[in-house]
Every structure is written in C-alpha cells, then in structure tokens.
Protein backbone atom coordinates (compact mmCIF):
# COMPACT_ATOMS: atom_id res chain seq x y z
CA VAL A 1 30.73 -62.25 21.78
CA VAL A 2 30.24 -58.50 22.33
CA ARG A 3 27.38 -57.49 24.58
CA VAL A 4 26.04 -53.95 23.93
CA VAL A 5 24.07 -52.13 26.62
CA GLU A 6 22.63 -48.95 25.10
CA GLY A 7 21.59 -47.22 28.30
CA PRO A 8 20.14 -43.67 28.32
CA ALA A 9 21.03 -41.09 25.64
CA TYR A 10 22.06 -37.91 27.44
CA LYS A 11 21.01 -34.61 25.91
CA ILE A 12 21.32 -30.94 26.81
CA ALA A 13 18.00 -29.96 28.38
CA ALA A 14 18.90 -26.36 29.27
CA ILE A 15 21.87 -24.00 29.45
CA GLU A 16 22.36 -21.59 32.33
CA LEU A 17 24.82 -18.70 32.08
CA THR A 18 26.18 -16.91 35.13
CA GLY A 19 28.54 -13.97 35.55
CA ILE A 20 26.97 -11.68 32.91
CA GLU A 21 23.77 -9.70 32.47
CA GLY A 22 22.00 -7.22 30.20
CA ARG A 23 22.66 -7.10 26.46
CA LEU A 24 25.76 -9.27 26.70
CA PHE A 25 23.75 -12.00 28.46
CA ALA A 26 21.05 -11.79 25.77
CA LYS A 27 23.65 -12.09 23.00
CA LEU A 28 25.44 -15.10 24.49
CA ASN A 29 22.15 -16.74 25.43
CA ARG A 30 21.05 -16.55 21.77
CA LEU A 31 24.29 -18.24 20.72
CA ALA A 32 23.76 -21.00 23.30
CA GLU A 33 20.10 -21.71 22.48
CA PRO A 34 20.77 -23.87 19.36
CA TYR A 35 22.65 -26.37 21.59
CA VAL A 36 19.56 -27.10 23.68
CA GLY A 37 18.25 -30.52 22.69
CA LYS A 38 21.55 -31.65 21.18
CA PRO A 39 23.41 -34.74 22.46
CA LEU A 40 25.56 -34.20 25.51
CA ASN A 41 28.94 -35.22 24.09
CA VAL A 42 32.54 -34.07 24.08
CA ALA A 43 32.20 -32.32 20.69
CA ASN A 44 29.23 -30.15 21.73
CA MET A 45 30.73 -29.37 25.14
CA ARG A 46 33.85 -28.06 23.41
CA ALA A 47 32.03 -26.17 20.69
CA LEU A 48 29.60 -24.35 23.02
CA PRO A 49 32.19 -22.64 25.28
CA GLY A 50 34.35 -21.98 22.22
CA GLU A 51 31.55 -20.15 20.41
CA LEU A 52 30.79 -18.01 23.45
CA LEU A 53 34.48 -17.21 23.90
CA LYS A 54 34.78 -16.16 20.25
CA ALA A 55 31.84 -13.79 20.65
CA LEU A 56 33.45 -12.25 23.75
CA HIS A 57 36.76 -11.73 21.95
CA GLU A 58 34.94 -10.02 19.07
CA ARG A 59 33.52 -7.54 21.56
CA GLY A 60 36.85 -6.62 23.06
CA TYR A 61 36.93 -9.03 26.04
CA PHE A 62 40.26 -10.61 25.14
CA ASP A 63 40.93 -11.86 28.69
CA ALA A 64 37.57 -13.64 28.88
CA ALA A 65 37.09 -17.22 30.02
CA VAL A 66 34.12 -19.63 29.94
CA GLU A 67 34.08 -22.31 32.66
CA VAL A 68 31.84 -25.39 32.66
CA LEU A 69 30.45 -25.74 36.19
CA SER A 70 28.20 -28.72 35.62
CA GLY A 71 27.09 -31.03 32.84
CA GLN A 72 30.38 -32.51 31.62
CA PRO A 73 29.85 -35.83 29.75
CA GLU A 74 32.39 -37.67 31.93
CA ASP A 75 30.55 -36.81 35.15
CA VAL A 76 28.35 -39.43 36.83
CA LEU A 77 24.92 -38.40 35.58
CA THR A 78 21.67 -39.53 37.14
CA GLN A 79 19.24 -38.16 34.53
CA SER A 80 19.24 -38.27 30.72
CA ASP A 81 18.13 -34.58 30.47
CA VAL A 82 21.12 -32.53 31.64
CA VAL A 83 21.26 -28.87 32.62
CA VAL A 84 24.60 -27.38 31.58
CA GLU A 85 25.83 -24.48 33.72
CA LEU A 86 28.50 -22.14 32.36
CA ALA A 87 30.28 -19.38 34.26
CA VAL A 88 31.39 -16.49 32.06
CA HIS A 89 34.33 -14.36 33.21
CA THR A 90 34.57 -11.36 30.88
CA GLY A 91 37.61 -9.65 32.31
CA VAL A 92 38.20 -6.06 31.22
CA MET A 93 36.96 -4.64 27.92
CA TYR A 94 39.91 -3.41 25.88
CA ARG A 95 39.95 0.13 24.59
CA ILE A 96 41.68 1.26 21.40
CA THR A 97 44.73 3.44 22.00
CA GLU A 98 46.65 3.07 18.74
CA VAL A 99 46.13 2.57 15.00
CA ARG A 100 48.91 0.94 12.98
CA VAL A 101 48.79 1.13 9.18
CA SER A 102 50.98 -0.74 6.72
CA GLY A 103 50.94 -1.43 2.97
CA ASN A 104 50.26 2.14 1.78
CA GLU A 105 52.35 3.32 -1.16
CA ASP A 106 50.86 6.48 -2.69
CA LEU A 107 48.46 7.42 0.08
CA PRO A 108 49.88 8.45 3.48
CA GLU A 109 49.26 6.27 6.54
CA SER A 110 47.34 9.17 8.08
CA PHE A 111 44.66 8.81 5.38
CA VAL A 112 43.57 5.51 6.94
CA ALA A 113 44.43 6.40 10.54
CA LYS A 114 42.19 9.49 10.51
CA ARG A 115 39.15 7.37 9.69
CA PHE A 116 39.72 5.34 12.87
CA GLU A 117 40.40 8.35 15.11
CA ARG A 118 36.80 8.51 16.30
CA LEU A 119 37.31 5.09 17.92
CA LEU A 120 40.41 6.01 19.94
CA GLU A 121 40.07 5.80 23.73
CA LYS A 122 36.78 3.96 23.29
CA PRO A 123 35.97 0.30 23.97
CA TYR A 124 36.73 -2.03 21.10
CA ASP A 125 33.57 -2.39 19.01
CA PRO A 126 33.68 -4.78 16.03
CA VAL A 127 30.48 -3.28 14.58
CA GLU A 128 32.05 0.19 14.31
CA ILE A 129 35.27 -1.32 12.95
CA ASN A 130 33.27 -3.11 10.26
CA LYS A 131 31.48 0.10 9.25
CA ILE A 132 34.79 1.86 8.62
CA TYR A 133 36.07 -1.18 6.74
CA ARG A 134 33.05 -1.11 4.40
CA GLU A 135 33.47 2.62 3.82
CA PHE A 136 37.00 2.02 2.55
CA ILE A 137 36.16 -1.01 0.40
CA GLN A 138 33.30 0.84 -1.32
CA THR A 139 35.65 3.60 -2.46
CA GLY A 140 37.65 1.27 -4.69
CA ILE A 141 40.88 2.81 -3.36
CA TYR A 142 42.05 -0.49 -1.88
CA ASP A 143 42.00 -3.97 -3.41
CA THR A 144 42.28 -5.58 0.00
CA MET A 145 42.16 -4.41 3.60
CA GLU A 146 42.66 -6.43 6.78
CA VAL A 147 41.74 -4.99 10.19
CA ASN A 148 43.08 -6.97 13.14
CA PRO A 149 42.85 -6.21 16.89
CA VAL A 150 46.19 -6.52 18.73
CA PRO A 151 45.86 -6.69 22.56
CA LEU A 152 48.67 -4.80 24.30
CA GLY A 153 47.82 -5.91 27.84
CA ASP A 154 46.35 -3.95 30.74
CA GLY A 155 43.13 -3.45 28.79
CA LEU A 156 44.84 -1.58 25.93
CA MET A 157 44.61 -2.46 22.25
CA ALA A 158 46.08 -1.47 18.90
CA VAL A 159 44.14 -1.80 15.66
CA GLU A 160 46.41 -3.10 12.91
CA VAL A 161 45.32 -2.20 9.36
CA VAL A 162 47.07 -3.85 6.40
CA VAL A 163 46.10 -2.50 2.98
CA GLU A 164 46.84 -3.15 -0.66
CA GLU A 165 46.16 -0.17 -2.92
CA ALA A 166 44.16 -0.55 -6.11
CA GLU A 167 44.87 1.07 -9.46
CA PHE A 168 43.73 4.66 -8.99
CA ARG A 169 43.41 5.69 -12.64
CA ASN A 170 41.06 4.04 -15.11
CA LEU A 171 40.19 4.92 -18.71
CA GLY A 172 37.13 3.21 -20.11
CA PHE A 173 35.05 3.01 -23.26
CA PHE A 174 31.49 1.77 -23.51
CA GLY A 175 28.75 1.22 -26.03
CA GLY A 176 25.20 -0.10 -26.15
CA PHE A 177 21.66 0.39 -27.33
CA GLY A 178 18.49 1.61 -25.64
CA SER A 179 14.94 1.59 -26.92
CA PHE A 180 14.69 5.37 -26.33
CA ASP A 181 18.27 6.62 -26.75
CA GLY A 182 19.17 4.33 -29.66
CA ALA A 183 22.87 3.64 -30.20
CA ILE A 184 25.12 4.68 -27.31
CA LEU A 185 28.87 5.33 -27.32
CA GLY A 186 30.99 6.90 -24.63
CA THR A 187 34.19 7.18 -22.68
CA SER A 188 35.03 7.79 -19.03
CA TYR A 189 38.10 8.56 -16.96
CA THR A 190 38.46 8.05 -13.20
CA ASN A 191 41.16 9.07 -10.75
CA ARG A 192 40.40 7.89 -7.19
CA ASN A 193 43.45 9.59 -5.69
CA LEU A 194 43.32 13.15 -6.98
CA PHE A 195 46.37 15.17 -5.84
CA GLY A 196 47.38 12.22 -3.62
CA TYR A 197 44.65 12.88 -1.02
CA GLY A 198 42.13 10.12 -1.78
CA ARG A 199 39.64 12.46 -3.46
CA GLU A 200 37.85 11.14 -6.53
CA PHE A 201 37.63 12.72 -9.98
CA ARG A 202 35.40 11.35 -12.73
CA SER A 203 34.70 12.51 -16.26
CA HIS A 204 32.03 11.05 -18.51
CA LEU A 205 31.25 11.77 -22.16
CA GLU A 206 28.36 10.05 -23.91
CA TRP A 207 26.94 10.25 -27.40
CA ASN A 208 23.65 8.70 -28.44
CA SER A 209 21.10 9.22 -31.18
CA ARG A 210 19.41 11.95 -29.10
CA GLY A 211 22.45 14.10 -28.43
CA ILE A 212 25.68 14.39 -26.54
CA GLN A 213 26.21 14.88 -22.80
CA GLY A 214 29.28 15.38 -20.68
CA LYS A 215 29.90 15.72 -16.95
CA ILE A 216 32.76 16.10 -14.49
CA ASP A 217 32.46 14.95 -10.87
CA TYR A 218 34.60 15.67 -7.81
CA LEU A 219 33.97 13.68 -4.62
CA ASP A 220 35.44 13.99 -1.12
CA ARG A 221 34.10 11.12 0.98
CA TRP A 222 35.48 12.53 4.24
CA PHE A 223 34.98 16.27 3.87
CA LEU A 224 37.27 18.20 6.23
CA ASP A 225 38.20 14.85 7.82
CA SER A 226 34.62 14.38 9.01
CA ARG A 227 31.89 11.90 8.12
CA TRP A 228 30.28 14.45 5.80
CA ARG A 229 30.52 13.59 2.11
CA PHE A 230 30.92 16.46 -0.37
CA GLY A 231 30.47 16.25 -4.12
CA ILE A 232 30.27 18.72 -6.97
CA GLN A 233 29.27 18.10 -10.58
CA LEU A 234 29.61 20.19 -13.74
CA PHE A 235 27.46 19.10 -16.66
CA THR A 236 26.49 20.20 -20.14
CA GLY A 237 24.98 18.74 -23.28
CA SER A 238 22.25 18.79 -25.90
CA ARG A 239 19.30 16.43 -26.20
CA ASP A 240 16.59 15.85 -28.80
CA LEU A 241 13.28 15.01 -27.08
CA PRO A 242 9.76 14.60 -28.48
CA GLY A 243 8.52 18.12 -29.24
CA TYR A 244 11.73 20.02 -28.54
CA GLU A 245 15.50 20.08 -28.47
CA LYS A 246 17.46 21.56 -25.58
CA TRP A 247 20.93 22.61 -24.56
CA GLN A 248 21.93 23.04 -20.94
CA ILE A 249 24.91 23.78 -18.74
CA GLY A 250 24.96 23.68 -14.97
CA ILE A 251 26.54 22.85 -11.64
CA LEU A 252 25.24 20.78 -8.70
CA SER A 253 26.82 20.39 -5.27
CA THR A 254 25.79 17.85 -2.61
CA LEU A 255 26.60 17.47 1.08
CA SER A 256 25.47 14.21 2.69
CA TYR A 257 25.82 12.55 6.09
CA PRO A 258 25.24 8.90 7.12
CA LEU A 259 22.83 8.98 10.06
CA THR A 260 23.10 5.21 10.48
CA GLU A 261 24.55 2.32 8.55
CA HIS A 262 21.52 2.29 6.25
CA SER A 263 20.18 5.86 6.30
CA THR A 264 21.60 9.02 4.76
CA VAL A 265 20.46 12.64 4.68
CA SER A 266 21.63 14.99 1.91
CA LEU A 267 21.52 18.71 1.19
CA TYR A 268 22.07 19.98 -2.32
CA GLY A 269 22.00 23.10 -4.43
CA GLY A 270 22.61 23.91 -8.03
CA PHE A 271 22.30 26.26 -10.97
CA THR A 272 21.30 25.34 -14.53
CA HIS A 273 20.90 27.38 -17.70
CA VAL A 274 18.51 25.76 -20.21
CA SER A 275 17.81 26.82 -23.77
CA LEU A 276 15.23 25.15 -26.02
CA THR A 277 16.88 25.30 -29.44
CA GLU A 278 13.89 23.77 -31.27
CA ASN A 279 10.19 23.83 -30.37
CA SER A 280 7.48 22.07 -32.35
CA PHE A 281 4.65 22.21 -29.79
CA VAL A 282 1.28 23.65 -30.81
CA ASP A 283 -1.71 24.88 -28.80
CA VAL A 284 0.00 24.50 -25.40
CA ASP A 285 1.94 26.76 -23.06
CA ILE A 286 5.33 25.14 -22.43
CA GLY A 287 6.71 28.00 -20.32
CA PRO A 288 9.90 29.97 -21.02
CA GLU A 289 12.23 28.59 -23.68
CA ASP A 290 15.40 30.20 -22.31
CA TYR A 291 15.68 30.26 -18.54
CA GLN A 292 17.85 29.73 -15.48
CA VAL A 293 17.05 27.46 -12.53
CA GLN A 294 18.40 28.10 -9.05
CA LEU A 295 17.56 25.02 -6.99
CA PHE A 296 17.98 23.95 -3.35
CA GLY A 297 16.82 20.74 -1.77
CA ALA A 298 17.12 17.97 0.78
CA SER A 299 16.72 14.21 0.53
CA TYR A 300 16.59 11.19 2.82
CA SER A 301 17.25 7.53 2.00
CA TRP A 302 16.73 4.38 4.06
CA ASP A 303 18.45 1.61 2.10
CA HIS A 304 18.22 -2.05 3.05
CA GLN A 305 18.57 -3.49 -0.46
CA GLY A 306 21.65 -5.42 0.65
CA ASP A 307 19.49 -7.39 3.10
CA LEU A 308 17.98 -9.31 0.18
CA GLU A 309 20.89 -11.77 -0.01
CA THR A 310 21.36 -12.25 3.73
CA ARG A 311 17.79 -12.09 5.06
CA GLY A 312 15.69 -13.04 2.04
CA HIS A 313 14.06 -9.64 1.71
CA GLY A 314 15.20 -6.03 1.32
CA TYR A 315 13.72 -2.61 0.80
CA ILE A 316 14.52 1.01 0.06
CA PHE A 317 12.73 4.26 0.89
CA GLU A 318 13.74 7.61 -0.63
CA ALA A 319 12.18 11.07 -0.37
CA SER A 320 13.27 14.49 -1.61
CA LEU A 321 12.00 18.07 -1.49
CA ASP A 322 13.25 20.76 -3.93
CA TYR A 323 12.78 24.51 -3.92
CA ALA A 324 13.56 26.70 -6.92
CA THR A 325 13.59 30.46 -6.43
CA SER A 326 13.93 33.44 -8.74
CA ALA A 327 15.19 35.65 -5.90
CA LEU A 328 18.79 35.86 -7.14
CA VAL A 329 19.66 34.58 -10.60
CA GLY A 330 16.81 32.14 -11.29
CA ASP A 331 13.89 32.70 -13.66
CA VAL A 332 11.45 30.14 -12.25
CA SER A 333 9.97 29.42 -8.82
CA PHE A 334 8.40 26.16 -7.71
CA VAL A 335 8.42 23.52 -4.99
CA ARG A 336 8.70 19.82 -5.85
CA GLY A 337 8.50 16.63 -3.80
CA GLN A 338 9.12 13.01 -4.74
CA MET A 339 8.93 9.66 -2.93
CA ARG A 340 9.98 6.10 -3.71
CA LEU A 341 9.37 2.86 -1.80
CA ALA A 342 10.31 -0.62 -3.01
CA HIS A 343 10.38 -4.02 -1.34
CA TYR A 344 12.03 -7.19 -2.65
CA TRP A 345 11.55 -10.83 -1.57
CA GLN A 346 13.68 -13.90 -2.32
CA LEU A 347 11.21 -16.79 -2.75
CA PRO A 348 11.62 -20.58 -3.15
CA LYS A 349 13.59 -21.94 -6.13
CA ASN A 350 15.52 -18.64 -6.41
CA THR A 351 12.51 -16.74 -7.69
CA GLU A 352 12.11 -13.11 -6.69
CA LEU A 353 9.14 -10.78 -6.13
CA ARG A 354 9.61 -7.01 -6.40
CA LEU A 355 6.98 -4.38 -5.50
CA GLY A 356 7.41 -0.63 -5.89
CA ILE A 357 5.54 2.65 -5.60
CA ARG A 358 6.63 6.13 -6.65
CA GLY A 359 4.99 9.50 -6.68
CA GLY A 360 5.71 13.17 -7.12
CA ALA A 361 4.09 16.59 -7.14
CA MET A 362 5.22 20.12 -8.00
CA GLN A 363 3.62 23.52 -7.46
CA PRO A 364 4.48 26.82 -9.23
CA LEU A 365 5.15 29.68 -6.81
CA GLY A 366 4.73 33.43 -6.90
CA ASP A 367 3.76 34.89 -10.27
CA GLN A 368 4.84 31.69 -11.99
CA ASP A 369 1.83 30.01 -13.61
CA VAL A 370 3.60 27.55 -15.88
CA ILE A 371 6.61 25.38 -15.06
CA PRO A 372 8.99 24.98 -18.04
CA VAL A 373 8.28 21.80 -19.97
CA ASP A 374 11.77 20.42 -19.39
CA LEU A 375 11.30 20.49 -15.59
CA ARG A 376 7.96 18.68 -15.49
CA PHE A 377 7.34 15.03 -14.69
CA PHE A 378 7.06 12.51 -17.53
CA SER A 379 5.85 8.91 -17.49
CA GLY A 380 5.92 5.85 -19.70
CA GLY A 381 8.97 3.82 -20.58
CA SER A 382 11.13 0.99 -19.27
CA ARG A 383 11.05 2.18 -15.63
CA THR A 384 7.42 3.29 -15.23
CA VAL A 385 4.31 2.02 -17.05
CA ARG A 386 5.81 -0.27 -19.64
CA SER A 387 2.86 -0.37 -22.04
CA PHE A 388 3.81 3.13 -23.23
CA PRO A 389 6.92 4.33 -25.05
CA GLU A 390 9.27 6.59 -23.10
CA ARG A 391 7.61 9.84 -21.86
CA GLU A 392 4.38 9.20 -23.86
CA LEU A 393 1.92 8.55 -21.01
CA GLY A 394 -0.14 11.59 -20.04
CA PRO A 395 -0.96 15.02 -21.48
CA GLU A 396 0.08 15.86 -25.05
CA ASP A 397 -0.38 18.60 -27.62
CA ALA A 398 -2.27 18.45 -30.94
CA ARG A 399 0.76 16.82 -32.59
CA HIS A 400 0.88 14.14 -29.88
CA HIS A 401 4.04 15.53 -28.31
CA PRO A 402 4.10 14.76 -24.56
CA THR A 403 3.85 17.92 -22.47
CA GLY A 404 4.52 16.46 -19.01
CA GLY A 405 2.68 17.16 -15.80
CA GLU A 406 2.82 18.36 -12.21
CA PHE A 407 1.67 15.15 -10.51
CA PHE A 408 2.41 11.46 -11.13
CA THR A 409 2.10 8.03 -9.54
CA THR A 410 3.70 4.73 -10.54
CA PHE A 411 3.02 1.24 -9.15
CA ASN A 412 5.12 -1.76 -10.20
CA ALA A 413 5.09 -5.49 -9.48
CA GLU A 414 7.49 -8.00 -10.99
CA TYR A 415 8.13 -11.73 -10.49
CA SER A 416 11.28 -13.26 -11.95
CA ILE A 417 12.07 -16.96 -12.52
CA PRO A 418 15.58 -18.28 -13.24
CA LEU A 419 15.93 -20.13 -16.55
CA ARG A 420 19.52 -21.26 -17.05
CA ASP A 421 22.96 -19.71 -16.74
CA SER A 422 22.30 -16.02 -16.03
CA PHE A 423 18.96 -15.72 -17.85
CA LEU A 424 15.68 -15.02 -16.06
CA PHE A 425 12.08 -14.84 -17.22
CA ALA A 426 9.90 -12.08 -15.74
CA ILE A 427 6.22 -11.28 -15.61
CA PHE A 428 5.13 -7.84 -14.49
CA ALA A 429 2.20 -5.49 -13.92
CA ASP A 430 2.38 -1.69 -13.85
CA ALA A 431 -0.06 1.12 -13.12
CA GLY A 432 0.27 4.88 -13.04
CA ASN A 433 -0.99 8.27 -14.06
CA LEU A 434 0.40 11.68 -15.01
CA LEU A 435 -1.75 14.78 -14.52
CA GLY A 436 -1.04 18.14 -16.08
CA SER A 437 -1.87 20.32 -13.07
CA ILE A 438 -1.30 19.91 -9.34
CA ASP A 439 -4.90 21.13 -8.91
CA GLU A 440 -6.07 17.82 -10.43
CA ILE A 441 -4.20 15.65 -7.91
CA SER A 442 -5.93 12.25 -7.68
CA LEU A 443 -5.66 8.63 -8.74
CA ASP A 444 -7.90 9.26 -11.75
CA GLU A 445 -6.84 8.53 -15.34
CA MET A 446 -4.85 5.49 -14.28
CA HIS A 447 -3.23 3.40 -17.00
CA TYR A 448 -2.61 -0.32 -16.51
CA ALA A 449 -0.05 -2.63 -18.09
CA ALA A 450 0.92 -6.29 -17.92
CA GLY A 451 3.75 -7.95 -19.72
CA VAL A 452 6.66 -10.34 -19.91
CA GLY A 453 10.39 -9.84 -20.04
CA LEU A 454 13.78 -11.48 -20.31
CA ARG A 455 16.72 -10.67 -18.03
CA TYR A 456 20.41 -11.38 -18.33
CA ASP A 457 22.22 -10.94 -15.03
CA LEU A 458 25.50 -9.01 -15.09
CA PRO A 459 27.70 -8.14 -12.08
CA VAL A 460 26.58 -4.50 -12.29
CA GLY A 461 22.88 -5.16 -12.92
CA PRO A 462 20.53 -6.92 -15.34
CA LEU A 463 20.14 -6.30 -19.05
CA ARG A 464 16.37 -6.13 -19.58
CA MET A 465 14.01 -6.69 -22.52
CA ASP A 466 10.31 -6.09 -21.77
CA TYR A 467 7.05 -5.96 -23.66
CA GLY A 468 4.10 -4.37 -21.90
CA PHE A 469 0.48 -4.69 -23.05
CA ASN A 470 -1.90 -1.75 -22.61
CA LEU A 471 -4.80 -3.15 -20.55
CA ASN A 472 -7.15 -0.15 -20.75
CA ARG A 473 -6.24 1.32 -24.09
CA SER A 474 -7.98 4.49 -25.23
CA LYS A 475 -8.28 5.72 -28.80
CA GLY A 476 -4.91 6.81 -30.16
CA GLU A 477 -2.90 4.99 -27.48
CA PRO A 478 -0.49 2.14 -28.33
CA LYS A 479 -1.47 -1.51 -27.93
CA GLY A 480 1.79 -2.03 -26.12
CA SER A 481 5.46 -1.17 -26.17
CA PHE A 482 8.84 -2.91 -26.33
CA HIS A 483 11.74 -1.73 -24.17
CA ILE A 484 15.45 -2.49 -23.90
CA GLY A 485 17.01 -1.22 -20.71
CA PHE A 486 19.79 -1.75 -18.21
CA GLY A 487 19.55 -2.03 -14.45
CA PHE A 488 16.54 -2.75 -12.27
CA ALA A 489 13.24 -1.19 -13.38
CA PHE A 490 12.51 0.07 -9.86
C-alpha cells in the first residue's frame, strides 16, 4: 500500500535580481521573466541561472557568477508562491587586445585582422562582432568563418577567427525568357580576390531579342581600409525599344557608407553617351537624339527585409536625388527624385501580404525644355501596373509609341498562398499613373489593375507569371496583359 500526499505545488511567483542595474538589468530581467509562473523545481532553478550566465558571457563578462540567495526547491518553504532572489556578480568586462586569424591560404591574415581593428582596446561586444561576421559572409570570399572569444585573464581577451576560403573565380552561363526581352542568353565571370587583395571583379554579357549589353564591375568593400564601400562600373550596349533604338556607353562610380546595420547612404556620379540609332516617333518632341549625360546623386536606404523571417514582417524604404548638369561635358540639365516604400507581412498558414508604393518626378533645368526620351520615366509591365505591357502606360505618339513622362506613381498589393512544393498562387491589385510634364503633377489619370499569378520559389527569388486585368480601360487600351518575370515585383 502506497499512500500519496500531494501537498502544495510550489511555483515561481517573482524573480528579484540584485547586483546589476541599467540596461544590463533590463536585459537579464527580460530573460528571467518567462520563468515566472513556472514550477519551482531543480530543472528550472538550474536553467534560470545558466541562461543569465550565458547572456553575461556573451557580453564580455567571462568572470561572472549568478548566486541563488533564496528560493531553492530543497529549502523548507512555507508558501506555495515563491520569490526567487538571484545575486549577479558581473566581474570585469573583458576588452579585446588581440585578433588571431587562421585558415587563410590566398588572402593574408591582415585582410581579416584589419576589419576587427576598430574593436581593439574596446569592451567585448558580440553585436559588433556579429556585424563584422555578416560583412564577411556576404562577400562570398569565405565558405565558413568562426569567431570565438578567448579570455586571456586580467580582463584581456583575444578574438580567434578561423576561416575557410571559398572558390574565388567563377564562370557562369545563363539563359531564360522574359515577356518583354524575349529569349535571353548570357555569360558572366567573377573574381572575388582580384590581385590577391579581396577586391571583386565582375563581367556580364547578355544577349536578348532587344539587343546586347555588357558591363564590367569593380568593387572594394573596405575602401582604404575603412567602412566606405567603393564601386565603379563600365557599361555599353544597344537596345531596341518601342519607337526607337539606342546605343550607349558610360561609367558610373559609387561610394557608400553603412550608417547602421540596416541603413546605408550612397554618393554616386557618372557619365553616359547615348545615341538613338533609329527613331520612328511622329508628332512629338523626344529631345536630342545624340547627347551626353553628366550625372551626380545621393541615395538612402533603410532595409529591414530580412526581418520578415525572424519577426513576421519586414520593410524597405529607399530614396534618391539626381542632378544632371551641362556645365562641363554634359548636354542635358535636370533634377530627378525617386522614392520607394514596401512592407511585407507573414500571415497564418504561410501566406504573405506585400504592399508597396513608388513615385518619382523630374524637372528640366536652365534652357532645357525637353528631357531626352530615354531618360524619362516609363510605366506598365511586370513590376508596375500589370494590366499594361512593358512601358505602355501613359503618354504616346500618333503611332502608339510610349513617350514617357516626368512624373509617376505606382501602388501595389499582393497576397500569396502556398500550393505545394515551391509553387504559390498570388492575387494582386495595382494602381498608377504616368504624366508627361512635371507641371501636371497629381493623382489624376490613374489606371487600375487586378489579377492572378503563379510563383515558383527559387533560392535567389521567385519565377513569376502574372495576368493583370485592366479595370478602367479606355478606348485603345488593352483588356489586360500577361507577364513572365523573375524576382519580386516590388
């Protein structure tokens, strides 16, 4: 005969922390809160101090200790609701005095060590360490990288970095089809360790039914061993567009700086020579047909798209302002501004809602009355209002060739539903306008679309097929339009 006396069930009623204050107290208190209301048992009373101790170690307090002052399960307890008191002894915060690198073969150890130099003689900060780690992984230079803190005693620490280099050189070939470009073929070559200094070189050559384009990119992610990022691009090619054909050659350089983990500011400047080799427009002024553009600008981005997987929603904001001047070697003068804002939500049953808004305006300057047709805004297509073919929303000439405009807006909404494997079904609604002159700036002449689409998820983005219906069709406009595209619409 076994007699069972249940007695009271002891639980953690509150947790009191002593020995710390400020932000560190707030952090550890948040980690302790989930234990309130849990049973007072040996497992929880081991896990709670262990979790706090782990958090202290991650912040550089490697000599820390967490002592249970009251509330141990084996104590003689008089009440079922128990207040647990913990004394936190942080000890000294370790500061980084040394960076040790191993595993490099082609790149020197100093290539990695220089990135960590800004942390030397500062308290160990896992957040800053993680930022540098992500910078390296995003370059593709290393297949793996491990960053481990090594306490040396007396409050000193070494950061040990173990790397495994990736293949620096890649030759690739690609092909595809787009509803506007038709058949697509191309090749690319990448060297992520140009001259053995970790600089990146890329070349890209693409042929499609509308022409051939080529470009060469050089990128230095740590310009002059700083956090500035410098890139330069040479490009050329010909393209057959509705109403005209063009050939261009140019250069664009960019200097960008990460203000925070998610925000970046960029300065850029470039020069382009454009020649319209064919022109079939009638009854419209399309501006000069052979001209040079000297352009300077700045942009800002605030990118939280990566939050979608971890927090259930993400967003991105981008804005840019360009200035073209004819003061030196340019032939045209104008100012142009653009803005983009998109927000994404992960909803129940793995469905996703995406909302976006974009807009832009440009203004001719000086004696310039007409901006060249190739520099104007265009709308319609797989990334704007999807009830129109590419570039065909807005002003046109007597032959129905799109002539572009100086002001546009685009509003998008899309809801996607998983089907099976990597396929998704999407429903969407779009709205937007394109006005020929900045003097007409308004939300008049809006065009509205609704439609359905099919997505196939790939590691680098979705393959998209969409059909958009024209909801306020005017005479001469299409009933709808079919699009094949790659990547997110907005």
